[in-house]
């Protein structure tokens, strides 16, 4: 390939993730759709909803289980 290598504009996955879940242009856009045909469950998460769930899970792991960054 010609030219300089492509470099991502984010320094980490966390920075990328936060740039998506808090960006006004995409917060209400679909991010993830879950289907469970056996139990007839269909759930769609927006970027903002998924971001809140990830933040809640991280808070639980930190405050309730004592995990810290890198563990």
Protein backbone atom coordinates (compact mmCIF):
# COMPACT_ATOMS: atom_id res chain seq x y z
CA UNK A 1 0.00 0.00 0.00
CA UNK A 2 1.17 3.48 -0.81
CA UNK A 3 1.30 6.30 1.67
CA UNK A 4 1.63 6.42 5.43
CA UNK A 5 -0.09 3.76 7.53
CA UNK A 6 -3.57 4.55 8.75
CA UNK A 7 -3.70 5.60 12.38
CA UNK A 8 -6.84 5.54 14.47
CA UNK A 9 -7.78 8.91 15.99
CA UNK A 10 -8.24 7.32 19.43
CA UNK A 11 -5.48 6.25 21.79
CA UNK A 12 -7.48 3.44 23.40
CA UNK A 13 -10.66 1.42 23.08
CA UNK A 14 -12.07 3.28 26.09
CA UNK A 15 -11.52 6.60 24.32
CA UNK A 16 -13.21 5.26 21.17
CA UNK A 17 -16.13 3.82 23.17
CA UNK A 18 -16.69 7.08 25.06
CA UNK A 19 -16.54 9.06 21.82
CA UNK A 20 -19.43 6.98 20.47
CA UNK A 21 -21.74 6.63 23.48
CA UNK A 22 -21.55 10.36 24.30
CA UNK A 23 -21.59 11.77 20.76
CA UNK A 24 -24.89 13.62 20.13
CA UNK A 25 -25.05 12.45 16.51
CA UNK A 26 -25.13 8.73 17.40
CA UNK A 27 -26.34 8.37 21.00
CA UNK A 28 -29.88 7.46 19.89
CA UNK A 29 -28.78 5.27 16.95
CA UNK A 30 -28.99 1.47 17.18
CA UNK A 31 -25.75 -0.07 18.43
CA UNK A 32 -26.63 -3.68 19.23
CA UNK A 33 -29.61 -5.90 18.54
CA UNK A 34 -30.14 -9.11 20.51
CA UNK A 35 -32.39 -11.95 19.35
CA UNK A 36 -33.33 -15.06 21.30
CA UNK A 37 -35.72 -16.94 19.04
CA UNK A 38 -36.32 -19.76 21.53
CA UNK A 39 -37.64 -17.36 24.17
CA UNK A 40 -39.02 -14.86 21.66
CA UNK A 41 -36.84 -12.02 22.98
CA UNK A 42 -35.83 -9.13 20.75
CA UNK A 43 -33.90 -6.25 22.33
CA UNK A 44 -32.29 -3.27 20.63
CA UNK A 45 -29.77 -1.06 22.45
CA UNK A 46 -28.78 2.45 21.38
CA UNK A 47 -25.24 3.70 21.85
CA UNK A 48 -26.35 5.65 24.93
CA UNK A 49 -28.23 2.71 26.49
CA UNK A 50 -25.34 0.33 25.91
CA UNK A 51 -22.89 2.88 27.31
CA UNK A 52 -24.94 3.21 30.50
CA UNK A 53 -25.02 -0.58 30.92
CA UNK A 54 -21.25 -0.81 30.46
CA UNK A 55 -20.72 1.98 32.99
CA UNK A 56 -23.04 0.24 35.48
CA UNK A 57 -21.17 -3.05 35.04
CA UNK A 58 -17.82 -1.29 35.51
CA UNK A 59 -19.08 0.46 38.65
CA UNK A 60 -20.29 -2.86 40.08
CA UNK A 61 -16.94 -4.54 39.36
CA UNK A 62 -15.07 -1.65 40.99
CA UNK A 63 -17.26 -0.83 44.00
CA UNK A 64 -18.66 -4.23 44.88
CA UNK A 65 -15.79 -6.51 43.87
CA UNK A 66 -12.86 -4.15 44.35
CA UNK A 67 -11.43 -4.51 40.84
CA UNK A 68 -9.25 -1.68 39.60
CA UNK A 69 -7.99 -0.53 36.20
CA UNK A 70 -6.01 -3.25 34.45
CA UNK A 71 -7.38 -6.17 36.45
